[in-house]
Amino acid sequence: MNVLYSCDDKYAPYAGISITSLFETNKELPNITVFILGLDISDENKQKFKMLADNYNRNISIIAATEIDRYLESKDVVLLGNCRATYYRLYAAEVLPKEISRVLYLDCDIIIVGSLADLDKLEFEEYKSCAMVCYNNISNNWRKVINIDKNCLYYNAGVMLIDIVRWKDYKCSERIFMSIKKYGRYFIFAVDQDIVNSSINTNIQSLPMEYNVLTDWYNIGFKSYYRSMKKTNNILYGRENLEKAVNNPKILHYCGYKPWHYKLSDKDQCKNIYLDVKKASLWNDLPQVEYINKKLLVKIRTILYALLPQKITYYISNATYAIYLWFYYQRNKKHLR
């Protein structure tokens, strides 16, 4: 199995903790090779990655992000937002070794808690180039902003199983380039994820939910989450599948506030799972950090999150973002068509 992470040096320790969970829970897999698209990775973290690979008799290969930067410059593509590393996965097919035909991309804020053997054997449907878990509870105004039809599914890009051959055959990178150039500066939330959904939606296959279980589902309760899915017309998985995924996850995805944010992370029911893996990793002395975000809406949400039960915060946040997106779309709709 080939697995891909993308990070700068700040997120390298979290990638290392995630890789530790991957190796620990998938010892039955005969071969695992991890590729890291690294931006300015320090010698200290490089050495720890080498030690981690040796400890589990696995392979970790760091690919300098400068290779992707050169590739993007040749295509006249300008990356958006503050974190370039999050975009690098979208172009991994262009810089991975040519013998690699399939790769599983994982975000750094992920802990693997089950076997991924079935993913290695998953067969792609016709015309599909990658597979992701559907995360469809977004408002119609959000859909308008990112220019996807109300009947299109919306996918979480934190876990992406990519068929590299088909990705190239269907020119996914080129279509992503066009989406960035045309709409990218108007995508304001999950920018790189929105770009994937906007540009290659028809080539995405749905993965079972257990391969990308958001920890928010535990914190707000899957019943509340399911109700929000019904309101946005997402009955792809059904309540039974959602409950099954929550009870037997393969991958936990710490979306939103991270388990390494002190105080805020205390409300996360899955925090101790992360802390146990961290304790067993080579980054066990990594301190908890303060969550800082200068955006007004996020500041308000952070205050509410600290003061109120998360279920209430969830509904308030959804309502606030829905109103904000309606005004945002009205102001920019001439550019978003």
C-alpha atoms as a PDB file:
ATOM      1  CA  MET A   1       0.000   0.000   0.000  1.00  0.00           C
ATOM      2  CA  ASN A   2       1.229   3.490  -0.896  1.00  0.00           C
ATOM      3  CA  VAL A   3       0.193   6.291   1.468  1.00  0.00           C
ATOM      4  CA  LEU A   4       0.689  10.024   0.993  1.00  0.00           C
ATOM      5  CA  TYR A   5       0.929  12.906   3.469  1.00  0.00           C
ATOM      6  CA  SER A   6       1.559  16.575   2.750  1.00  0.00           C
ATOM      7  CA  CYS A   7       2.936  18.956   5.366  1.00  0.00           C
ATOM      8  CA  ASP A   8       5.322  21.734   6.286  1.00  0.00           C
ATOM      9  CA  ASP A   9       7.657  21.459   9.262  1.00  0.00           C
ATOM     10  CA  LYS A  10       5.006  22.811  11.667  1.00  0.00           C
ATOM     11  CA  TYR A  11       2.678  19.923  10.843  1.00  0.00           C
ATOM     12  CA  ALA A  12       5.414  17.295  10.437  1.00  0.00           C
ATOM     13  CA  PRO A  13       5.020  16.058  14.067  1.00  0.00           C
ATOM     14  CA  TYR A  14       1.265  15.553  13.545  1.00  0.00           C
ATOM     15  CA  ALA A  15       1.995  13.668  10.331  1.00  0.00           C
ATOM     16  CA  GLY A  16       4.466  11.551  12.303  1.00  0.00           C
ATOM     17  CA  ILE A  17       1.846  10.746  14.953  1.00  0.00           C
ATOM     18  CA  SER A  18      -0.659   9.826  12.239  1.00  0.00           C
ATOM     19  CA  ILE A  19       1.892   7.585  10.491  1.00  0.00           C
ATOM     20  CA  THR A  20       2.596   5.896  13.841  1.00  0.00           C
ATOM     21  CA  SER A  21      -1.103   4.981  14.082  1.00  0.00           C
ATOM     22  CA  LEU A  22      -1.028   3.722  10.476  1.00  0.00           C
ATOM     23  CA  PHE A  23       1.918   1.417  11.123  1.00  0.00           C
ATOM     24  CA  GLU A  24       0.625   0.224  14.484  1.00  0.00           C
ATOM     25  CA  THR A  25      -2.872  -0.758  13.297  1.00  0.00           C
ATOM     26  CA  ASN A  26      -1.838  -2.258   9.940  1.00  0.00           C
ATOM     27  CA  LYS A  27       0.933  -4.648  10.868  1.00  0.00           C
ATOM     28  CA  GLU A  28      -0.721  -7.385   8.795  1.00  0.00           C
ATOM     29  CA  LEU A  29      -0.128  -5.502   5.533  1.00  0.00           C
ATOM     30  CA  PRO A  30       3.028  -6.899   3.899  1.00  0.00           C
ATOM     31  CA  ASN A  31       4.168  -3.576   2.417  1.00  0.00           C
ATOM     32  CA  ILE A  32       3.469   0.039   3.330  1.00  0.00           C
ATOM     33  CA  THR A  33       5.380   2.887   1.736  1.00  0.00           C
ATOM     34  CA  VAL A  34       4.673   6.412   2.969  1.00  0.00           C
ATOM     35  CA  PHE A  35       5.458   9.413   0.805  1.00  0.00           C
ATOM     36  CA  ILE A  36       5.629  12.839   2.433  1.00  0.00           C
ATOM     37  CA  LEU A  37       5.332  15.930   0.266  1.00  0.00           C
ATOM     38  CA  GLY A  38       7.432  18.065   2.564  1.00  0.00           C
ATOM     39  CA  LEU A  39       7.825  21.819   2.704  1.00  0.00           C
ATOM     40  CA  ASP A  40      10.961  22.892   4.621  1.00  0.00           C
ATOM     41  CA  ILE A  41      11.063  19.779   6.827  1.00  0.00           C
ATOM     42  CA  SER A  42      13.760  20.152   9.507  1.00  0.00           C
ATOM     43  CA  ASP A  43      16.655  17.702   9.887  1.00  0.00           C
ATOM     44  CA  GLU A  44      15.296  16.732  13.301  1.00  0.00           C
ATOM     45  CA  ASN A  45      11.931  15.692  11.896  1.00  0.00           C
ATOM     46  CA  LYS A  46      13.568  13.964   8.921  1.00  0.00           C
ATOM     47  CA  GLN A  47      15.627  11.893  11.350  1.00  0.00           C
ATOM     48  CA  LYS A  48      12.530  10.984  13.346  1.00  0.00           C
ATOM     49  CA  PHE A  49      10.728   9.880  10.177  1.00  0.00           C
ATOM     50  CA  LYS A  50      13.687   7.623   9.377  1.00  0.00           C
ATOM     51  CA  MET A  51      13.647   6.151  12.885  1.00  0.00           C
ATOM     52  CA  LEU A  52       9.885   5.608  12.665  1.00  0.00           C
ATOM     53  CA  ALA A  53      10.240   3.694   9.392  1.00  0.00           C
ATOM     54  CA  ASP A  54      13.065   1.568  10.812  1.00  0.00           C
ATOM     55  CA  ASN A  55      11.110   0.780  13.992  1.00  0.00           C
ATOM     56  CA  TYR A  56       8.287  -0.773  11.950  1.00  0.00           C
ATOM     57  CA  ASN A  57      10.400  -2.069   9.048  1.00  0.00           C
ATOM     58  CA  ARG A  58       8.513   0.212   6.649  1.00  0.00           C
ATOM     59  CA  ASN A  59       9.530   2.842   4.109  1.00  0.00           C
ATOM     60  CA  ILE A  60       9.095   6.611   4.423  1.00  0.00           C
ATOM     61  CA  SER A  61      10.210   8.766   1.504  1.00  0.00           C
ATOM     62  CA  ILE A  62      10.236  12.571   1.682  1.00  0.00           C
ATOM     63  CA  ILE A  63       9.650  14.370  -1.619  1.00  0.00           C
ATOM     64  CA  ALA A  64      10.773  17.989  -1.547  1.00  0.00           C
ATOM     65  CA  ALA A  65       7.841  20.296  -2.268  1.00  0.00           C
ATOM     66  CA  THR A  66      10.102  22.364  -4.512  1.00  0.00           C
ATOM     67  CA  GLU A  67       9.423  19.746  -7.194  1.00  0.00           C
ATOM     68  CA  ILE A  68       5.719  20.595  -7.095  1.00  0.00           C
ATOM     69  CA  ASP A  69       6.451  24.327  -6.970  1.00  0.00           C
ATOM     70  CA  ARG A  70       8.492  24.004 -10.161  1.00  0.00           C
ATOM     71  CA  TYR A  71       5.737  21.983 -11.785  1.00  0.00           C
ATOM     72  CA  LEU A  72       3.080  24.556 -10.846  1.00  0.00           C
ATOM     73  CA  GLU A  73       5.251  27.417 -12.066  1.00  0.00           C
ATOM     74  CA  SER A  74       5.539  25.680 -15.438  1.00  0.00           C
ATOM     75  CA  LYS A  75       1.720  25.616 -15.583  1.00  0.00           C
ATOM     76  CA  ASP A  76       1.391  29.235 -14.391  1.00  0.00           C
ATOM     77  CA  VAL A  77      -0.660  28.193 -11.345  1.00  0.00           C
ATOM     78  CA  VAL A  78      -0.749  30.428  -8.259  1.00  0.00           C
ATOM     79  CA  LEU A  79      -1.680  28.707  -4.996  1.00  0.00           C
ATOM     80  CA  LEU A  80      -4.250  30.413  -2.793  1.00  0.00           C
ATOM     81  CA  GLY A  81      -4.632  30.734   0.948  1.00  0.00           C
ATOM     82  CA  ASN A  82      -2.051  30.652   3.711  1.00  0.00           C
ATOM     83  CA  CYS A  83      -1.003  27.003   3.658  1.00  0.00           C
ATOM     84  CA  ARG A  84       0.534  25.860   0.388  1.00  0.00           C
ATOM     85  CA  ALA A  85       1.133  22.347   1.705  1.00  0.00           C
ATOM     86  CA  THR A  86      -2.593  21.538   1.680  1.00  0.00           C
ATOM     87  CA  TYR A  87      -2.654  21.955  -2.100  1.00  0.00           C
ATOM     88  CA  TYR A  88       0.304  19.724  -2.858  1.00  0.00           C
ATOM     89  CA  ARG A  89      -1.745  16.507  -2.683  1.00  0.00           C
ATOM     90  CA  LEU A  90      -3.742  17.702  -5.696  1.00  0.00           C
ATOM     91  CA  TYR A  91      -0.617  17.469  -7.830  1.00  0.00           C
ATOM     92  CA  ALA A  92       0.995  14.398  -6.265  1.00  0.00           C
ATOM     93  CA  ALA A  93       0.324  12.351  -9.395  1.00  0.00           C
ATOM     94  CA  GLU A  94       2.834  14.529 -11.227  1.00  0.00           C
ATOM     95  CA  VAL A  95       5.774  13.973  -8.841  1.00  0.00           C
ATOM     96  CA  LEU A  96       5.339  10.489  -7.340  1.00  0.00           C
ATOM     97  CA  PRO A  97       7.557   7.704  -8.741  1.00  0.00           C
ATOM     98  CA  LYS A  98       6.253   6.578 -12.133  1.00  0.00           C
ATOM     99  CA  GLU A  99       5.765   2.966 -10.986  1.00  0.00           C
ATOM    100  CA  ILE A 100       3.140   4.108  -8.447  1.00  0.00           C
ATOM    101  CA  SER A 101      -0.366   3.517  -9.832  1.00  0.00           C
ATOM    102  CA  ARG A 102      -2.423   4.075  -6.688  1.00  0.00           C
ATOM    103  CA  VAL A 103      -1.943   6.109  -3.524  1.00  0.00           C
ATOM    104  CA  LEU A 104      -4.002   6.819  -0.405  1.00  0.00           C
ATOM    105  CA  TYR A 105      -3.769  10.449   0.693  1.00  0.00           C
ATOM    106  CA  LEU A 106      -4.350  11.189   4.398  1.00  0.00           C
ATOM    107  CA  ASP A 107      -4.547  14.528   6.218  1.00  0.00           C
ATOM    108  CA  CYS A 108      -2.183  15.054   9.157  1.00  0.00           C
ATOM    109  CA  ASP A 109      -5.101  15.422  11.604  1.00  0.00           C
ATOM    110  CA  ILE A 110      -6.036  11.762  11.158  1.00  0.00           C
ATOM    111  CA  ILE A 111      -5.588   8.752  13.416  1.00  0.00           C
ATOM    112  CA  ILE A 112      -5.958   5.292  11.874  1.00  0.00           C
ATOM    113  CA  VAL A 113      -7.786   2.937  14.243  1.00  0.00           C
ATOM    114  CA  GLY A 114      -8.506  -0.047  11.969  1.00  0.00           C
ATOM    115  CA  SER A 115      -7.207  -2.098   9.080  1.00  0.00           C
ATOM    116  CA  LEU A 116      -6.957  -0.433   5.669  1.00  0.00           C
ATOM    117  CA  ALA A 117      -6.437  -3.721   3.811  1.00  0.00           C
ATOM    118  CA  ASP A 118      -9.776  -3.494   1.978  1.00  0.00           C
ATOM    119  CA  LEU A 119      -8.886  -0.066   0.594  1.00  0.00           C
ATOM    120  CA  ASP A 120      -5.852  -1.585  -1.085  1.00  0.00           C
ATOM    121  CA  LYS A 121      -8.184  -3.971  -2.947  1.00  0.00           C
ATOM    122  CA  LEU A 122     -10.990  -1.506  -3.733  1.00  0.00           C
ATOM    123  CA  GLU A 123     -12.060  -1.573  -7.387  1.00  0.00           C
ATOM    124  CA  PHE A 124     -12.837   1.722  -9.062  1.00  0.00           C
ATOM    125  CA  GLU A 125     -16.050   2.180 -10.975  1.00  0.00           C
ATOM    126  CA  GLU A 126     -16.000   3.281 -14.592  1.00  0.00           C
ATOM    127  CA  TYR A 127     -14.922   6.929 -15.088  1.00  0.00           C
ATOM    128  CA  LYS A 128     -13.869   7.315 -11.450  1.00  0.00           C
ATOM    129  CA  SER A 129     -10.344   8.522 -10.703  1.00  0.00           C
ATOM    130  CA  CYS A 130     -10.446   8.877  -6.907  1.00  0.00           C
ATOM    131  CA  ALA A 131     -12.590   7.803  -3.959  1.00  0.00           C
ATOM    132  CA  MET A 132     -13.651   9.856  -0.927  1.00  0.00           C
ATOM    133  CA  VAL A 133     -16.270   9.849   1.812  1.00  0.00           C
ATOM    134  CA  CYS A 134     -19.308  11.994   1.071  1.00  0.00           C
ATOM    135  CA  TYR A 135     -19.770  14.881   3.492  1.00  0.00           C
ATOM    136  CA  ASN A 136     -22.852  16.445   2.044  1.00  0.00           C
ATOM    137  CA  ASN A 137     -24.377  18.623   4.755  1.00  0.00           C
ATOM    138  CA  ILE A 138     -23.501  21.931   3.120  1.00  0.00           C
ATOM    139  CA  SER A 139     -26.014  24.646   2.319  1.00  0.00           C
ATOM    140  CA  ASN A 140     -27.269  25.478  -1.142  1.00  0.00           C
ATOM    141  CA  ASN A 141     -25.543  28.858  -0.866  1.00  0.00           C
ATOM    142  CA  TRP A 142     -22.228  27.079  -0.297  1.00  0.00           C
ATOM    143  CA  ARG A 143     -22.957  24.995  -3.411  1.00  0.00           C
ATOM    144  CA  LYS A 144     -23.589  28.168  -5.368  1.00  0.00           C
ATOM    145  CA  VAL A 145     -20.319  29.699  -4.198  1.00  0.00           C
ATOM    146  CA  ILE A 146     -18.282  26.693  -5.339  1.00  0.00           C
ATOM    147  CA  ASN A 147     -20.372  26.235  -8.477  1.00  0.00           C
ATOM    148  CA  ILE A 148     -21.746  22.711  -8.035  1.00  0.00           C
ATOM    149  CA  ASP A 149     -25.294  21.568  -8.700  1.00  0.00           C
ATOM    150  CA  LYS A 150     -27.661  21.049  -5.765  1.00  0.00           C
ATOM    151  CA  ASN A 151     -27.887  17.350  -6.676  1.00  0.00           C
ATOM    152  CA  CYS A 152     -24.115  16.811  -6.687  1.00  0.00           C
ATOM    153  CA  LEU A 153     -22.536  15.068  -3.730  1.00  0.00           C
ATOM    154  CA  TYR A 154     -19.945  16.967  -1.705  1.00  0.00           C
ATOM    155  CA  TYR A 155     -16.865  15.050  -0.553  1.00  0.00           C
ATOM    156  CA  ASN A 156     -14.401  15.450   2.297  1.00  0.00           C
ATOM    157  CA  ALA A 157     -10.888  15.549   0.812  1.00  0.00           C
ATOM    158  CA  GLY A 158      -9.069  14.541   4.017  1.00  0.00           C
ATOM    159  CA  VAL A 159      -8.983  10.947   2.775  1.00  0.00           C
ATOM    160  CA  MET A 160      -8.468  10.426  -0.952  1.00  0.00           C
ATOM    161  CA  LEU A 161      -7.762   7.096  -2.629  1.00  0.00           C
ATOM    162  CA  ILE A 162      -6.311   8.093  -6.002  1.00  0.00           C
ATOM    163  CA  ASP A 163      -5.966   5.957  -9.114  1.00  0.00           C
ATOM    164  CA  ILE A 164      -3.022   7.817 -10.617  1.00  0.00           C
ATOM    165  CA  VAL A 165      -3.431   6.336 -14.102  1.00  0.00           C
ATOM    166  CA  ARG A 166      -7.064   7.415 -14.347  1.00  0.00           C
ATOM    167  CA  TRP A 167      -6.284  10.751 -12.677  1.00  0.00           C
ATOM    168  CA  LYS A 168      -3.950  11.494 -15.559  1.00  0.00           C
ATOM    169  CA  ASP A 169      -6.228   9.994 -18.218  1.00  0.00           C
ATOM    170  CA  TYR A 170      -9.127  12.219 -17.109  1.00  0.00           C
ATOM    171  CA  LYS A 171      -6.832  15.260 -16.866  1.00  0.00           C
ATOM    172  CA  CYS A 172      -7.828  15.944 -13.261  1.00  0.00           C
ATOM    173  CA  SER A 173      -4.810  18.162 -12.537  1.00  0.00           C
ATOM    174  CA  GLU A 174      -5.575  20.354 -15.567  1.00  0.00           C
ATOM    175  CA  ARG A 175      -9.216  20.714 -14.523  1.00  0.00           C
ATOM    176  CA  ILE A 176      -8.132  21.679 -11.022  1.00  0.00           C
ATOM    177  CA  PHE A 177      -5.811  24.304 -12.573  1.00  0.00           C
ATOM    178  CA  MET A 178      -8.768  25.807 -14.432  1.00  0.00           C
ATOM    179  CA  SER A 179     -10.955  25.826 -11.327  1.00  0.00           C
ATOM    180  CA  ILE A 180      -8.286  27.647  -9.314  1.00  0.00           C
ATOM    181  CA  LYS A 181      -7.805  30.265 -11.999  1.00  0.00           C
ATOM    182  CA  LYS A 182     -11.520  30.844 -12.542  1.00  0.00           C
ATOM    183  CA  TYR A 183     -13.041  30.534  -9.068  1.00  0.00           C
ATOM    184  CA  GLY A 184     -10.308  29.916  -6.514  1.00  0.00           C
ATOM    185  CA  ARG A 185     -10.058  33.381  -4.998  1.00  0.00           C
ATOM    186  CA  TYR A 186     -13.797  33.290  -4.201  1.00  0.00           C
ATOM    187  CA  PHE A 187     -13.639  29.972  -2.318  1.00  0.00           C
ATOM    188  CA  ILE A 188     -13.454  31.025   1.309  1.00  0.00           C
ATOM    189  CA  PHE A 189     -13.876  27.993   3.586  1.00  0.00           C
ATOM    190  CA  ALA A 190     -12.377  24.591   2.720  1.00  0.00           C
ATOM    191  CA  VAL A 191     -10.580  26.118  -0.240  1.00  0.00           C
ATOM    192  CA  ASP A 192      -8.660  23.117  -1.611  1.00  0.00           C
ATOM    193  CA  GLN A 193     -11.552  20.761  -0.809  1.00  0.00           C
ATOM    194  CA  ASP A 194     -14.006  23.087  -2.547  1.00  0.00           C
ATOM    195  CA  ILE A 195     -11.739  23.155  -5.605  1.00  0.00           C
ATOM    196  CA  VAL A 196     -11.717  19.332  -5.787  1.00  0.00           C
ATOM    197  CA  ASN A 197     -15.506  19.187  -5.560  1.00  0.00           C
ATOM    198  CA  SER A 198     -15.945  21.983  -8.057  1.00  0.00           C
ATOM    199  CA  SER A 199     -13.579  20.635 -10.692  1.00  0.00           C
ATOM    200  CA  ILE A 200     -13.647  16.796 -10.712  1.00  0.00           C
ATOM    201  CA  ASN A 201     -16.930  15.954  -8.961  1.00  0.00           C
ATOM    202  CA  THR A 202     -18.092  13.539 -11.671  1.00  0.00           C
ATOM    203  CA  ASN A 203     -14.930  11.452 -11.323  1.00  0.00           C
ATOM    204  CA  ILE A 204     -15.215  10.900  -7.555  1.00  0.00           C
ATOM    205  CA  GLN A 205     -16.382   7.564  -6.142  1.00  0.00           C
ATOM    206  CA  SER A 206     -17.960   7.293  -2.691  1.00  0.00           C
ATOM    207  CA  LEU A 207     -16.033   5.451   0.021  1.00  0.00           C
ATOM    208  CA  PRO A 208     -17.737   3.740   2.991  1.00  0.00           C
ATOM    209  CA  MET A 209     -18.126   6.189   5.864  1.00  0.00           C
ATOM    210  CA  GLU A 210     -15.858   4.285   8.272  1.00  0.00           C
ATOM    211  CA  TYR A 211     -12.850   5.450   6.251  1.00  0.00           C
ATOM    212  CA  ASN A 212     -13.345   9.089   7.244  1.00  0.00           C
ATOM    213  CA  VAL A 213     -15.277   9.378  10.515  1.00  0.00           C
ATOM    214  CA  LEU A 214     -15.303  12.979  11.699  1.00  0.00           C
ATOM    215  CA  THR A 215     -14.810  13.285  15.446  1.00  0.00           C
ATOM    216  CA  ASP A 216     -17.562  15.935  15.490  1.00  0.00           C
ATOM    217  CA  TRP A 217     -20.022  13.092  14.925  1.00  0.00           C
ATOM    218  CA  TYR A 218     -19.232  11.848  18.447  1.00  0.00           C
ATOM    219  CA  ASN A 219     -19.274  15.283  20.012  1.00  0.00           C
ATOM    220  CA  ILE A 220     -22.624  16.458  18.641  1.00  0.00           C
ATOM    221  CA  GLY A 221     -24.178  12.996  18.390  1.00  0.00           C
ATOM    222  CA  PHE A 222     -24.744  11.139  15.128  1.00  0.00           C
ATOM    223  CA  LYS A 223     -28.521  11.665  15.411  1.00  0.00           C
ATOM    224  CA  SER A 224     -28.057  15.444  15.232  1.00  0.00           C
ATOM    225  CA  TYR A 225     -25.623  15.042  12.365  1.00  0.00           C
ATOM    226  CA  TYR A 226     -28.021  12.756  10.504  1.00  0.00           C
ATOM    227  CA  ARG A 227     -30.835  15.300  10.877  1.00  0.00           C
ATOM    228  CA  SER A 228     -28.603  17.944   9.331  1.00  0.00           C
ATOM    229  CA  MET A 229     -27.840  15.591   6.423  1.00  0.00           C
ATOM    230  CA  LYS A 230     -31.540  15.049   5.782  1.00  0.00           C
ATOM    231  CA  LYS A 231     -32.108  18.796   5.648  1.00  0.00           C
ATOM    232  CA  THR A 232     -29.500  19.102   2.899  1.00  0.00           C
ATOM    233  CA  ASN A 233     -30.827  16.149   0.923  1.00  0.00           C
ATOM    234  CA  ASN A 234     -27.983  13.743   1.716  1.00  0.00           C
ATOM    235  CA  ILE A 235     -29.354  10.238   2.212  1.00  0.00           C
ATOM    236  CA  LEU A 236     -26.414   8.577   0.447  1.00  0.00           C
ATOM    237  CA  TYR A 237     -25.330   6.458   3.404  1.00  0.00           C
ATOM    238  CA  GLY A 238     -28.397   6.289   5.612  1.00  0.00           C
ATOM    239  CA  ARG A 239     -28.652   6.368   9.392  1.00  0.00           C
ATOM    240  CA  GLU A 240     -27.666   2.710   9.864  1.00  0.00           C
ATOM    241  CA  ASN A 241     -24.431   3.196   7.910  1.00  0.00           C
ATOM    242  CA  LEU A 242     -23.613   6.354   9.851  1.00  0.00           C
ATOM    243  CA  GLU A 243     -24.187   4.567  13.162  1.00  0.00           C
ATOM    244  CA  LYS A 244     -22.085   1.604  11.992  1.00  0.00           C
ATOM    245  CA  ALA A 245     -19.221   3.908  10.997  1.00  0.00           C
ATOM    246  CA  VAL A 246     -19.288   5.719  14.350  1.00  0.00           C
ATOM    247  CA  ASN A 247     -19.266   2.428  16.263  1.00  0.00           C
ATOM    248  CA  ASN A 248     -16.571   0.782  14.113  1.00  0.00           C
ATOM    249  CA  PRO A 249     -14.380   3.455  12.495  1.00  0.00           C
ATOM    250  CA  LYS A 250     -11.266   2.694  10.453  1.00  0.00           C
ATOM    251  CA  ILE A 251     -10.084   6.304  10.263  1.00  0.00           C
ATOM    252  CA  LEU A 252     -10.769   9.123  12.727  1.00  0.00           C
ATOM    253  CA  HIS A 253     -10.549  12.618  11.267  1.00  0.00           C
ATOM    254  CA  TYR A 254     -10.174  15.463  13.764  1.00  0.00           C
ATOM    255  CA  CYS A 255     -11.893  18.087  11.634  1.00  0.00           C
ATOM    256  CA  GLY A 256     -12.296  21.573  13.089  1.00  0.00           C
ATOM    257  CA  TYR A 257     -10.539  22.084  16.417  1.00  0.00           C
ATOM    258  CA  LYS A 258      -7.597  19.712  16.778  1.00  0.00           C
ATOM    259  CA  PRO A 259      -6.778  17.381  19.690  1.00  0.00           C
ATOM    260  CA  TRP A 260      -3.506  19.266  20.165  1.00  0.00           C
ATOM    261  CA  HIS A 261      -5.349  22.523  20.966  1.00  0.00           C
ATOM    262  CA  TYR A 262      -5.413  22.765  24.733  1.00  0.00           C
ATOM    263  CA  LYS A 263      -8.700  23.706  26.468  1.00  0.00           C
ATOM    264  CA  LEU A 264     -10.747  23.427  23.254  1.00  0.00           C
ATOM    265  CA  SER A 265      -9.717  19.815  22.737  1.00  0.00           C
ATOM    266  CA  ASP A 266     -11.039  18.858  26.191  1.00  0.00           C
ATOM    267  CA  LYS A 267     -14.514  18.613  24.674  1.00  0.00           C
ATOM    268  CA  ASP A 268     -13.409  16.086  22.048  1.00  0.00           C
ATOM    269  CA  GLN A 269     -14.486  12.568  22.992  1.00  0.00           C
ATOM    270  CA  CYS A 270     -11.725  11.140  20.782  1.00  0.00           C
ATOM    271  CA  LYS A 271      -8.932  13.231  22.296  1.00  0.00           C
ATOM    272  CA  ASN A 272      -7.537  10.366  24.400  1.00  0.00           C
ATOM    273  CA  ILE A 273      -7.147   8.176  21.304  1.00  0.00           C
ATOM    274  CA  TYR A 274      -4.885  10.821  19.787  1.00  0.00           C
ATOM    275  CA  LEU A 275      -2.996  11.296  23.075  1.00  0.00           C
ATOM    276  CA  ASP A 276      -2.344   7.545  23.397  1.00  0.00           C
ATOM    277  CA  VAL A 277      -0.846   7.400  19.905  1.00  0.00           C
ATOM    278  CA  LYS A 278       1.163  10.543  20.546  1.00  0.00           C
ATOM    279  CA  LYS A 279       2.546   9.037  23.763  1.00  0.00           C
ATOM    280  CA  ALA A 280       3.742   5.963  21.836  1.00  0.00           C
ATOM    281  CA  SER A 281       5.272   8.054  19.039  1.00  0.00           C
ATOM    282  CA  LEU A 282       8.663   9.703  18.610  1.00  0.00           C
ATOM    283  CA  TRP A 283       6.920  13.066  19.111  1.00  0.00           C
ATOM    284  CA  ASN A 284       5.653  12.202  22.630  1.00  0.00           C
ATOM    285  CA  ASP A 285       7.094  15.431  24.083  1.00  0.00           C
ATOM    286  CA  LEU A 286       5.130  17.640  21.683  1.00  0.00           C
ATOM    287  CA  PRO A 287       3.302  20.318  23.734  1.00  0.00           C
ATOM    288  CA  GLN A 288      -0.353  21.227  23.367  1.00  0.00           C
ATOM    289  CA  VAL A 289      -0.816  24.577  21.592  1.00  0.00           C
ATOM    290  CA  GLU A 290      -3.237  27.480  21.746  1.00  0.00           C
ATOM    291  CA  TYR A 291      -5.761  27.811  18.949  1.00  0.00           C
ATOM    292  CA  ILE A 292      -5.413  31.169  17.171  1.00  0.00           C
ATOM    293  CA  ASN A 293      -7.520  32.432  14.283  1.00  0.00           C
ATOM    294  CA  LYS A 294      -7.973  36.113  13.470  1.00  0.00           C
ATOM    295  CA  LYS A 295     -11.189  35.776  11.433  1.00  0.00           C
ATOM    296  CA  LEU A 296     -14.152  37.332  13.257  1.00  0.00           C
ATOM    297  CA  LEU A 297     -16.583  34.479  12.558  1.00  0.00           C
ATOM    298  CA  VAL A 298     -14.079  31.924  13.794  1.00  0.00           C
ATOM    299  CA  LYS A 299     -13.361  33.993  16.915  1.00  0.00           C
ATOM    300  CA  ILE A 300     -17.076  34.093  17.717  1.00  0.00           C
ATOM    301  CA  ARG A 301     -17.382  30.357  17.110  1.00  0.00           C
ATOM    302  CA  THR A 302     -14.378  29.683  19.345  1.00  0.00           C
ATOM    303  CA  ILE A 303     -15.904  31.683  22.206  1.00  0.00           C
ATOM    304  CA  LEU A 304     -19.248  29.899  21.823  1.00  0.00           C
ATOM    305  CA  TYR A 305     -17.465  26.542  21.659  1.00  0.00           C
ATOM    306  CA  ALA A 306     -15.714  27.267  24.944  1.00  0.00           C
ATOM    307  CA  LEU A 307     -18.910  28.381  26.710  1.00  0.00           C
ATOM    308  CA  LEU A 308     -21.675  26.159  25.304  1.00  0.00           C
ATOM    309  CA  PRO A 309     -22.300  22.458  24.700  1.00  0.00           C
ATOM    310  CA  GLN A 310     -20.903  21.511  21.300  1.00  0.00           C
ATOM    311  CA  LYS A 311     -24.297  20.418  19.964  1.00  0.00           C
ATOM    312  CA  ILE A 312     -25.658  23.947  20.475  1.00  0.00           C
ATOM    313  CA  THR A 313     -22.490  25.486  18.993  1.00  0.00           C
ATOM    314  CA  TYR A 314     -22.892  23.226  15.952  1.00  0.00           C
ATOM    315  CA  TYR A 315     -26.389  24.525  15.174  1.00  0.00           C
ATOM    316  CA  ILE A 316     -25.448  28.165  15.816  1.00  0.00           C
ATOM    317  CA  SER A 317     -22.372  27.845  13.574  1.00  0.00           C
ATOM    318  CA  ASN A 318     -24.365  26.262  10.759  1.00  0.00           C
ATOM    319  CA  ALA A 319     -26.984  29.016  10.902  1.00  0.00           C
ATOM    320  CA  THR A 320     -24.334  31.761  11.043  1.00  0.00           C
ATOM    321  CA  TYR A 321     -22.396  30.371   8.085  1.00  0.00           C
ATOM    322  CA  ALA A 322     -25.603  29.909   6.068  1.00  0.00           C
ATOM    323  CA  ILE A 323     -26.491  33.592   6.529  1.00  0.00           C
ATOM    324  CA  TYR A 324     -22.935  34.706   5.781  1.00  0.00           C
ATOM    325  CA  LEU A 325     -22.782  32.590   2.615  1.00  0.00           C
ATOM    326  CA  TRP A 326     -26.096  33.970   1.372  1.00  0.00           C
ATOM    327  CA  PHE A 327     -24.763  37.540   1.583  1.00  0.00           C
ATOM    328  CA  TYR A 328     -21.400  36.466   0.169  1.00  0.00           C
ATOM    329  CA  TYR A 329     -23.050  34.817  -2.850  1.00  0.00           C
ATOM    330  CA  GLN A 330     -25.295  37.817  -3.501  1.00  0.00           C
ATOM    331  CA  ARG A 331     -22.225  40.078  -3.486  1.00  0.00           C
ATOM    332  CA  ASN A 332     -20.108  37.854  -5.778  1.00  0.00           C
ATOM    333  CA  LYS A 333     -22.576  35.876  -7.873  1.00  0.00           C
ATOM    334  CA  LYS A 334     -21.604  37.603 -11.121  1.00  0.00           C
ATOM    335  CA  HIS A 335     -18.118  36.103 -10.714  1.00  0.00           C
ATOM    336  CA  LEU A 336     -19.298  32.652  -9.703  1.00  0.00           C
ATOM    337  CA  ARG A 337     -21.081  31.579 -12.874  1.00  0.00           C
END
